Amino acid sequence: MTVTKDWNEIASRWTRFSRDIKKKWGDLTDDEVMQINGRRDILAEKIHEKYGIAVEEADKQIDAWADKLKG
C-alpha cells in the first residue's frame, strides 16, 4: 500500500484511530484530535506546535506510526 492509500484508510476511520493518536501524541487534546478529523497536514502542524519539532520531523513520526498500524 502507498502512504496516500494508507492515510485515506486512517482518515476514513478517524474516530477509531483517535485513541491511538492520543496514546502516541498525548499532548494533543481530545478537541484537537477531533478537529484534525483525519487531515494529515493538520496533524503534522499540531504535532509541530505541541512538541516544538519541525513539520518534517512530525511527518516522519506520523509515517512511523502509520507503518506500525499495518503490522
Foldseek 3Di string as FASTA:
>chain_A
DDPVVLLVVCLVVQVVCLVVLCVVVVVQDPVQSVVCSSVPQSQLVVCCVRVVDDSVVSVVVVVVSSVVVVD
